[in-house]
Amino acid sequence: MTDAARWKATVYVGGLASLVTTVNLHDAFIPFGEIADITLPKNDAPNATEPHRGFAYVEYEDAEDAKEAIDNMDQSELFGRVLRVSAAKAPKNAEEGLGSKTAVWEQESWLAEHAVSEEDRAAAAAEGARGSIDDRPEDPMQGLEGLDVAGPKPE
């Protein structure tokens, strides 16, 4: 399964109580389809007392199963807490976008979208050389020479 297909088949489960384990999540989400993986991120803070960060990712074998789980489990209750279940978003690449340490015009994705090839530059220069004076747009101020004084016309 490709990464894009995996993220379409993954649901985000938020609002988890600290008592929730992967076994509990598996039991709660198995009715909607075959589960490929459950990720319950651990709390990395050195003084953390909670066993996990309060959210999880449940990856299904099929994207339709993920949609079914979202429809049925969002706003449901588990261990006395209301769950927020939605489609998981793919993680952002730290090397691209506004949060990266590289200038946006040096990133491959930006260059692929905005870069102009040498052939296009040469074609634009040739087009500019062929253009004549008649191709210029009409001056919007032309014909307004006599209107340099505000107010009614003197008689």
N, C-alpha and C. Protein backbone atom coordinates (compact mmCIF):
# COMPACT_ATOMS: atom_id res chain seq x y z
N MET A 1 0.86 -1.18 0.00
CA MET A 1 0.00 0.00 0.00
C MET A 1 0.90 1.24 0.00
N THR A 2 0.60 2.21 -0.85
CA THR A 2 1.40 3.43 -0.91
C THR A 2 1.13 4.29 0.31
N ASP A 3 2.03 5.25 0.54
CA ASP A 3 1.85 6.13 1.71
C ASP A 3 0.54 6.90 1.64
N ALA A 4 0.19 7.40 0.44
CA ALA A 4 -1.06 8.17 0.30
C ALA A 4 -2.26 7.28 0.62
N ALA A 5 -2.24 6.05 0.14
CA ALA A 5 -3.35 5.13 0.40
C ALA A 5 -3.40 4.76 1.88
N ARG A 6 -2.23 4.64 2.50
CA ARG A 6 -2.20 4.32 3.93
C ARG A 6 -2.83 5.45 4.74
N TRP A 7 -2.54 6.72 4.39
CA TRP A 7 -3.10 7.83 5.15
C TRP A 7 -4.59 7.96 4.92
N LYS A 8 -5.09 7.54 3.75
CA LYS A 8 -6.54 7.58 3.52
C LYS A 8 -7.25 6.50 4.33
N ALA A 9 -6.53 5.45 4.69
CA ALA A 9 -7.12 4.36 5.46
C ALA A 9 -6.83 4.49 6.95
N THR A 10 -6.32 5.65 7.38
CA THR A 10 -5.96 5.86 8.78
C THR A 10 -6.87 6.90 9.39
N VAL A 11 -7.32 6.64 10.63
CA VAL A 11 -8.16 7.60 11.34
C VAL A 11 -7.41 8.10 12.57
N TYR A 12 -7.66 9.36 12.88
CA TYR A 12 -7.13 9.99 14.10
C TYR A 12 -8.18 9.83 15.17
N VAL A 13 -7.77 9.40 16.36
CA VAL A 13 -8.68 9.25 17.48
C VAL A 13 -8.15 10.12 18.60
N GLY A 14 -8.86 11.20 18.93
CA GLY A 14 -8.43 12.12 19.97
C GLY A 14 -9.34 12.08 21.17
N GLY A 15 -8.86 12.65 22.27
CA GLY A 15 -9.65 12.72 23.50
C GLY A 15 -9.62 11.44 24.30
N LEU A 16 -8.54 10.68 24.18
CA LEU A 16 -8.47 9.40 24.88
C LEU A 16 -8.14 9.58 26.36
N ALA A 17 -8.77 8.77 27.18
CA ALA A 17 -8.46 8.74 28.61
C ALA A 17 -7.12 8.06 28.80
N SER A 18 -6.47 8.33 29.93
CA SER A 18 -5.15 7.74 30.16
C SER A 18 -5.21 6.23 30.38
N LEU A 19 -6.38 5.69 30.67
CA LEU A 19 -6.53 4.25 30.88
C LEU A 19 -6.56 3.46 29.57
N VAL A 20 -6.78 4.11 28.45
CA VAL A 20 -6.96 3.44 27.17
C VAL A 20 -5.64 2.81 26.71
N THR A 21 -5.74 1.58 26.23
CA THR A 21 -4.59 0.87 25.67
C THR A 21 -4.87 0.52 24.21
N THR A 22 -3.87 -0.03 23.54
CA THR A 22 -4.06 -0.44 22.15
C THR A 22 -5.08 -1.58 22.06
N VAL A 23 -5.13 -2.42 23.07
CA VAL A 23 -6.11 -3.51 23.09
C VAL A 23 -7.53 -2.94 23.14
N ASN A 24 -7.73 -1.92 24.00
CA ASN A 24 -9.05 -1.28 24.08
C ASN A 24 -9.44 -0.65 22.74
N LEU A 25 -8.49 0.03 22.11
CA LEU A 25 -8.77 0.65 20.81
C LEU A 25 -9.08 -0.40 19.76
N HIS A 26 -8.34 -1.49 19.77
CA HIS A 26 -8.58 -2.56 18.81
C HIS A 26 -10.00 -3.11 18.99
N ASP A 27 -10.39 -3.35 20.23
CA ASP A 27 -11.73 -3.87 20.50
C ASP A 27 -12.82 -2.88 20.10
N ALA A 28 -12.57 -1.58 20.25
CA ALA A 28 -13.57 -0.57 19.92
C ALA A 28 -13.70 -0.34 18.42
N PHE A 29 -12.60 -0.50 17.67
CA PHE A 29 -12.62 -0.15 16.26
C PHE A 29 -12.66 -1.35 15.31
N ILE A 30 -12.53 -2.57 15.81
CA ILE A 30 -12.56 -3.75 14.94
C ILE A 30 -13.91 -3.98 14.26
N PRO A 31 -15.06 -3.56 14.81
CA PRO A 31 -16.32 -3.80 14.11
C PRO A 31 -16.42 -3.14 12.73
N PHE A 32 -15.56 -2.18 12.44
CA PHE A 32 -15.69 -1.43 11.19
C PHE A 32 -14.80 -1.96 10.08
N GLY A 33 -13.92 -2.90 10.38
CA GLY A 33 -13.07 -3.47 9.35
C GLY A 33 -11.78 -4.02 9.93
N GLU A 34 -11.00 -4.64 9.07
CA GLU A 34 -9.73 -5.24 9.47
C GLU A 34 -8.71 -4.15 9.78
N ILE A 35 -8.13 -4.20 10.97
CA ILE A 35 -7.17 -3.18 11.40
C ILE A 35 -5.77 -3.64 11.05
N ALA A 36 -5.01 -2.75 10.40
CA ALA A 36 -3.63 -3.06 10.02
C ALA A 36 -2.66 -2.68 11.14
N ASP A 37 -2.91 -1.54 11.81
CA ASP A 37 -1.98 -1.07 12.83
C ASP A 37 -2.67 -0.06 13.73
N ILE A 38 -2.24 -0.04 14.99
CA ILE A 38 -2.71 0.98 15.94
C ILE A 38 -1.47 1.63 16.54
N THR A 39 -1.41 2.96 16.48
CA THR A 39 -0.28 3.70 17.04
C THR A 39 -0.81 4.59 18.16
N LEU A 40 -0.26 4.41 19.34
CA LEU A 40 -0.63 5.20 20.52
C LEU A 40 0.65 5.91 20.98
N PRO A 41 0.90 7.14 20.49
CA PRO A 41 2.17 7.82 20.78
C PRO A 41 2.40 8.01 22.27
N LYS A 42 3.61 7.68 22.69
CA LYS A 42 3.99 7.82 24.10
C LYS A 42 4.34 9.26 24.40
N ASN A 43 4.21 9.63 25.64
CA ASN A 43 4.55 10.98 26.09
C ASN A 43 6.05 11.02 26.36
N ASP A 44 6.78 11.84 25.58
CA ASP A 44 8.24 11.89 25.67
C ASP A 44 8.76 12.85 26.73
N ALA A 45 7.89 13.62 27.34
CA ALA A 45 8.33 14.59 28.35
C ALA A 45 8.93 13.83 29.54
N PRO A 46 10.05 14.31 30.09
CA PRO A 46 10.71 13.57 31.18
C PRO A 46 9.89 13.49 32.46
N ASN A 47 9.04 14.47 32.72
CA ASN A 47 8.24 14.46 33.95
C ASN A 47 6.80 14.05 33.69
N ALA A 48 6.53 13.40 32.58
CA ALA A 48 5.17 13.01 32.22
C ALA A 48 4.69 11.84 33.07
N THR A 49 3.47 11.94 33.53
CA THR A 49 2.87 10.86 34.33
C THR A 49 1.87 10.06 33.51
N GLU A 50 1.43 10.60 32.37
CA GLU A 50 0.46 9.92 31.51
C GLU A 50 1.18 8.86 30.66
N PRO A 51 0.54 7.71 30.42
CA PRO A 51 1.19 6.66 29.62
C PRO A 51 1.22 6.97 28.12
N HIS A 52 0.35 7.86 27.65
CA HIS A 52 0.35 8.25 26.23
C HIS A 52 -0.11 9.70 26.12
N ARG A 53 -0.11 10.23 24.89
CA ARG A 53 -0.38 11.65 24.68
C ARG A 53 -1.86 12.00 24.50
N GLY A 54 -2.76 11.04 24.60
CA GLY A 54 -4.19 11.32 24.55
C GLY A 54 -4.80 11.20 23.16
N PHE A 55 -4.03 10.68 22.21
CA PHE A 55 -4.58 10.43 20.88
C PHE A 55 -3.93 9.19 20.30
N ALA A 56 -4.54 8.68 19.22
CA ALA A 56 -4.02 7.49 18.57
C ALA A 56 -4.34 7.53 17.08
N TYR A 57 -3.66 6.68 16.33
CA TYR A 57 -3.94 6.49 14.91
C TYR A 57 -4.32 5.03 14.72
N VAL A 58 -5.46 4.81 14.07
CA VAL A 58 -5.90 3.45 13.77
C VAL A 58 -5.88 3.31 12.25
N GLU A 59 -5.03 2.40 11.78
CA GLU A 59 -4.91 2.19 10.33
C GLU A 59 -5.68 0.95 9.93
N TYR A 60 -6.56 1.12 8.96
CA TYR A 60 -7.36 0.01 8.45
C TYR A 60 -6.74 -0.53 7.17
N GLU A 61 -7.17 -1.74 6.80
CA GLU A 61 -6.72 -2.33 5.54
C GLU A 61 -7.37 -1.62 4.34
N ASP A 62 -8.56 -1.07 4.54
CA ASP A 62 -9.32 -0.46 3.45
C ASP A 62 -9.78 0.94 3.85
N ALA A 63 -9.74 1.88 2.92
CA ALA A 63 -10.14 3.26 3.20
C ALA A 63 -11.63 3.36 3.52
N GLU A 64 -12.45 2.50 2.94
CA GLU A 64 -13.89 2.51 3.22
C GLU A 64 -14.16 2.16 4.69
N ASP A 65 -13.35 1.26 5.24
CA ASP A 65 -13.50 0.91 6.65
C ASP A 65 -13.18 2.10 7.54
N ALA A 66 -12.18 2.89 7.14
CA ALA A 66 -11.82 4.09 7.91
C ALA A 66 -12.98 5.08 7.90
N LYS A 67 -13.63 5.27 6.75
CA LYS A 67 -14.77 6.19 6.67
C LYS A 67 -15.91 5.70 7.55
N GLU A 68 -16.12 4.40 7.56
CA GLU A 68 -17.16 3.81 8.40
C GLU A 68 -16.87 4.05 9.88
N ALA A 69 -15.62 3.90 10.28
CA ALA A 69 -15.23 4.13 11.67
C ALA A 69 -15.43 5.59 12.05
N ILE A 70 -15.09 6.51 11.15
CA ILE A 70 -15.28 7.94 11.42
C ILE A 70 -16.76 8.25 11.62
N ASP A 71 -17.59 7.73 10.72
CA ASP A 71 -19.03 7.99 10.79
C ASP A 71 -19.65 7.46 12.09
N ASN A 72 -19.18 6.32 12.56
CA ASN A 72 -19.80 5.67 13.71
C ASN A 72 -19.17 6.02 15.05
N MET A 73 -17.88 6.36 15.07
CA MET A 73 -17.20 6.54 16.35
C MET A 73 -16.98 8.00 16.74
N ASP A 74 -17.11 8.93 15.81
CA ASP A 74 -16.93 10.34 16.17
C ASP A 74 -18.01 10.75 17.17
N GLN A 75 -17.61 11.41 18.24
CA GLN A 75 -18.47 11.87 19.32
C GLN A 75 -19.03 10.73 20.16
N SER A 76 -18.43 9.54 20.06
CA SER A 76 -18.84 8.43 20.93
C SER A 76 -18.03 8.50 22.22
N GLU A 77 -18.38 7.67 23.19
CA GLU A 77 -17.74 7.73 24.49
C GLU A 77 -16.93 6.47 24.74
N LEU A 78 -15.73 6.64 25.29
CA LEU A 78 -14.87 5.52 25.64
C LEU A 78 -14.16 5.86 26.95
N PHE A 79 -14.36 5.04 27.96
CA PHE A 79 -13.82 5.26 29.31
C PHE A 79 -14.21 6.63 29.86
N GLY A 80 -15.45 7.04 29.61
CA GLY A 80 -15.96 8.29 30.15
C GLY A 80 -15.52 9.54 29.41
N ARG A 81 -14.83 9.41 28.30
CA ARG A 81 -14.37 10.57 27.52
C ARG A 81 -14.99 10.53 26.13
N VAL A 82 -15.34 11.70 25.60
CA VAL A 82 -15.91 11.80 24.25
C VAL A 82 -14.76 11.78 23.24
N LEU A 83 -14.86 10.87 22.29
CA LEU A 83 -13.81 10.72 21.28
C LEU A 83 -14.02 11.67 20.12
N ARG A 84 -12.92 12.16 19.58
CA ARG A 84 -12.93 12.92 18.33
C ARG A 84 -12.25 12.03 17.29
N VAL A 85 -13.01 11.57 16.33
CA VAL A 85 -12.49 10.66 15.31
C VAL A 85 -12.62 11.34 13.96
N SER A 86 -11.49 11.46 13.27
CA SER A 86 -11.50 12.09 11.95
C SER A 86 -10.43 11.45 11.08
N ALA A 87 -10.42 11.81 9.81
CA ALA A 87 -9.40 11.29 8.90
C ALA A 87 -8.04 11.84 9.32
N ALA A 88 -7.06 10.98 9.34
CA ALA A 88 -5.71 11.39 9.72
C ALA A 88 -5.08 12.20 8.60
N LYS A 89 -4.29 13.19 8.98
CA LYS A 89 -3.58 14.01 8.00
C LYS A 89 -2.15 13.49 7.90
N ALA A 90 -1.64 13.45 6.70
CA ALA A 90 -0.25 13.01 6.50
C ALA A 90 0.68 14.00 7.18
N PRO A 91 1.76 13.54 7.78
CA PRO A 91 2.68 14.46 8.45
C PRO A 91 3.35 15.38 7.44
N LYS A 92 3.61 16.60 7.86
CA LYS A 92 4.25 17.56 6.97
C LYS A 92 5.73 17.25 6.88
N ASN A 93 6.28 17.50 5.71
CA ASN A 93 7.70 17.31 5.50
C ASN A 93 8.43 18.51 6.09
N ALA A 94 9.38 18.27 6.97
CA ALA A 94 10.11 19.37 7.62
C ALA A 94 11.03 20.09 6.65
N GLU A 95 11.27 19.50 5.49
CA GLU A 95 12.18 20.10 4.52
C GLU A 95 11.46 21.03 3.54
N GLU A 96 10.12 21.03 3.57
CA GLU A 96 9.38 21.84 2.61
C GLU A 96 8.33 22.68 3.31
N GLY A 97 7.89 23.73 2.64
CA GLY A 97 6.84 24.58 3.16
C GLY A 97 7.38 25.73 3.97
N LEU A 98 6.49 26.41 4.66
CA LEU A 98 6.87 27.61 5.40
C LEU A 98 7.67 27.32 6.65
N GLY A 99 7.60 26.12 7.19
CA GLY A 99 8.33 25.81 8.41
C GLY A 99 9.75 25.31 8.18
N SER A 100 10.18 25.22 6.94
CA SER A 100 11.50 24.66 6.68
C SER A 100 12.59 25.71 6.85
N LYS A 101 13.81 25.23 6.85
CA LYS A 101 14.95 26.12 7.00
C LYS A 101 15.57 26.47 5.64
N THR A 102 14.89 26.12 4.57
CA THR A 102 15.34 26.40 3.21
C THR A 102 14.41 27.45 2.60
N ALA A 103 15.00 28.37 1.85
CA ALA A 103 14.18 29.38 1.18
C ALA A 103 13.20 28.70 0.24
N VAL A 104 11.99 29.23 0.15
CA VAL A 104 10.93 28.58 -0.62
C VAL A 104 11.32 28.44 -2.09
N TRP A 105 12.06 29.39 -2.66
CA TRP A 105 12.42 29.31 -4.07
C TRP A 105 13.55 28.32 -4.32
N GLU A 106 14.15 27.77 -3.27
CA GLU A 106 15.18 26.75 -3.44
C GLU A 106 14.61 25.34 -3.26
N GLN A 107 13.35 25.22 -2.92
CA GLN A 107 12.74 23.92 -2.70
C GLN A 107 12.28 23.33 -4.02
N GLU A 108 12.42 22.03 -4.15
CA GLU A 108 12.09 21.34 -5.39
C GLU A 108 10.62 21.51 -5.78
N SER A 109 9.72 21.43 -4.81
CA SER A 109 8.30 21.53 -5.15
C SER A 109 7.95 22.93 -5.68
N TRP A 110 8.56 23.97 -5.11
CA TRP A 110 8.29 25.32 -5.58
C TRP A 110 8.87 25.51 -6.97
N LEU A 111 10.08 25.01 -7.18
CA LEU A 111 10.71 25.14 -8.49
C LEU A 111 9.93 24.41 -9.57
N ALA A 112 9.42 23.24 -9.23
CA ALA A 112 8.65 22.48 -10.22
C ALA A 112 7.40 23.23 -10.64
N GLU A 113 6.81 23.99 -9.72
CA GLU A 113 5.57 24.71 -10.02
C GLU A 113 5.82 26.07 -10.67
N HIS A 114 6.89 26.78 -10.26
CA HIS A 114 7.07 28.16 -10.68
C HIS A 114 8.25 28.44 -11.60
N ALA A 115 9.12 27.49 -11.76
CA ALA A 115 10.32 27.73 -12.57
C ALA A 115 9.95 27.90 -14.04
N VAL A 116 10.68 28.77 -14.71
CA VAL A 116 10.49 29.01 -16.13
C VAL A 116 11.70 28.43 -16.86
N SER A 117 11.44 27.59 -17.85
CA SER A 117 12.54 26.96 -18.57
C SER A 117 13.21 27.97 -19.51
N GLU A 118 14.40 27.64 -19.95
CA GLU A 118 15.14 28.52 -20.87
C GLU A 118 14.40 28.69 -22.19
N GLU A 119 13.71 27.63 -22.67
CA GLU A 119 12.95 27.74 -23.92
C GLU A 119 11.82 28.76 -23.77
N ASP A 120 11.16 28.75 -22.61
CA ASP A 120 10.07 29.70 -22.39
C ASP A 120 10.60 31.14 -22.32
N ARG A 121 11.77 31.32 -21.70
CA ARG A 121 12.36 32.66 -21.64
C ARG A 121 12.73 33.15 -23.03
N ALA A 122 13.32 32.26 -23.84
CA ALA A 122 13.70 32.63 -25.21
C ALA A 122 12.46 32.97 -26.04
N ALA A 123 11.39 32.20 -25.87
CA ALA A 123 10.15 32.47 -26.61
C ALA A 123 9.54 33.80 -26.19
N ALA A 124 9.59 34.11 -24.91
CA ALA A 124 9.05 35.39 -24.44
C ALA A 124 9.88 36.56 -24.96
N ALA A 125 11.19 36.40 -25.01
CA ALA A 125 12.05 37.46 -25.53
C ALA A 125 11.81 37.67 -27.01
N ALA A 126 11.63 36.59 -27.77
CA ALA A 126 11.36 36.70 -29.21
C ALA A 126 10.01 37.36 -29.44
N GLU A 127 9.03 37.04 -28.63
CA GLU A 127 7.70 37.66 -28.74
C GLU A 127 7.78 39.15 -28.45
N GLY A 128 8.56 39.52 -27.45
CA GLY A 128 8.72 40.93 -27.10
C GLY A 128 9.42 41.70 -28.20
N ALA A 129 10.36 41.08 -28.88
CA ALA A 129 11.08 41.74 -29.98
C ALA A 129 10.18 41.95 -31.19
N ARG A 130 9.24 41.04 -31.41
CA ARG A 130 8.33 41.15 -32.56
C ARG A 130 7.22 42.15 -32.32
N GLY A 131 6.90 42.46 -31.09
CA GLY A 131 5.79 43.36 -30.80
C GLY A 131 6.04 44.75 -31.34
N SER A 132 5.00 45.42 -31.77
CA SER A 132 5.14 46.76 -32.32
C SER A 132 4.54 47.78 -31.36
N ILE A 133 4.64 49.03 -31.72
CA ILE A 133 4.09 50.11 -30.89
C ILE A 133 2.58 49.99 -30.80
N ASP A 134 1.94 49.46 -31.85
CA ASP A 134 0.49 49.33 -31.85
C ASP A 134 0.01 48.30 -30.83
N ASP A 135 0.89 47.41 -30.39
CA ASP A 135 0.50 46.38 -29.43
C ASP A 135 0.35 46.92 -28.02
N ARG A 136 0.87 48.12 -27.76
CA ARG A 136 0.80 48.68 -26.42
C ARG A 136 -0.65 49.05 -26.08
N PRO A 137 -1.03 48.89 -24.84
CA PRO A 137 -2.39 49.27 -24.47
C PRO A 137 -2.54 50.79 -24.54
N GLU A 138 -3.77 51.23 -24.76
CA GLU A 138 -4.06 52.65 -24.86
C GLU A 138 -3.82 53.33 -23.52
N ASP A 139 -3.30 54.53 -23.55
CA ASP A 139 -3.02 55.29 -22.33
C ASP A 139 -4.34 55.68 -21.68
N PRO A 140 -4.58 55.29 -20.44
CA PRO A 140 -5.86 55.61 -19.80
C PRO A 140 -6.01 57.10 -19.51
N MET A 141 -4.93 57.87 -19.53
CA MET A 141 -5.01 59.30 -19.24
C MET A 141 -5.20 60.14 -20.51
N GLN A 142 -5.18 59.49 -21.67
CA GLN A 142 -5.32 60.21 -22.92
C GLN A 142 -6.73 60.81 -23.02
N GLY A 143 -6.79 62.07 -23.41
CA GLY A 143 -8.07 62.77 -23.56
C GLY A 143 -8.49 63.50 -22.30
N LEU A 144 -7.71 63.44 -21.24
CA LEU A 144 -8.07 64.10 -19.99
C LEU A 144 -7.24 65.37 -19.76
N GLU A 145 -6.58 65.88 -20.79
CA GLU A 145 -5.69 67.03 -20.63
C GLU A 145 -6.44 68.27 -20.17
N GLY A 146 -7.64 68.48 -20.62
CA GLY A 146 -8.38 69.68 -20.28
C GLY A 146 -9.08 69.60 -18.93
N LEU A 147 -8.96 68.51 -18.23
CA LEU A 147 -9.65 68.34 -16.96
C LEU A 147 -8.72 68.53 -15.77
N ASP A 148 -7.78 69.44 -15.89
CA ASP A 148 -6.82 69.63 -14.81
C ASP A 148 -7.36 70.52 -13.69
N VAL A 149 -8.54 71.10 -13.85
CA VAL A 149 -9.14 71.95 -12.83
C VAL A 149 -10.41 71.27 -12.36
N ALA A 150 -10.56 71.17 -11.05
CA ALA A 150 -11.75 70.54 -10.49
C ALA A 150 -12.90 71.55 -10.45
N GLY A 151 -14.10 71.05 -10.47
CA GLY A 151 -15.26 71.91 -10.34
C GLY A 151 -15.94 72.14 -11.67
N PRO A 152 -16.98 73.01 -11.69
CA PRO A 152 -17.72 73.24 -12.93
C PRO A 152 -16.87 74.04 -13.92
N LYS A 153 -17.21 73.89 -15.19
CA LYS A 153 -16.48 74.63 -16.23
C LYS A 153 -16.84 76.11 -16.17
N PRO A 154 -15.85 76.99 -16.24
CA PRO A 154 -16.16 78.42 -16.28
C PRO A 154 -16.79 78.78 -17.63
N GLU A 155 -17.73 79.71 -17.61
CA GLU A 155 -18.40 80.11 -18.85
C GLU A 155 -17.86 81.39 -19.42
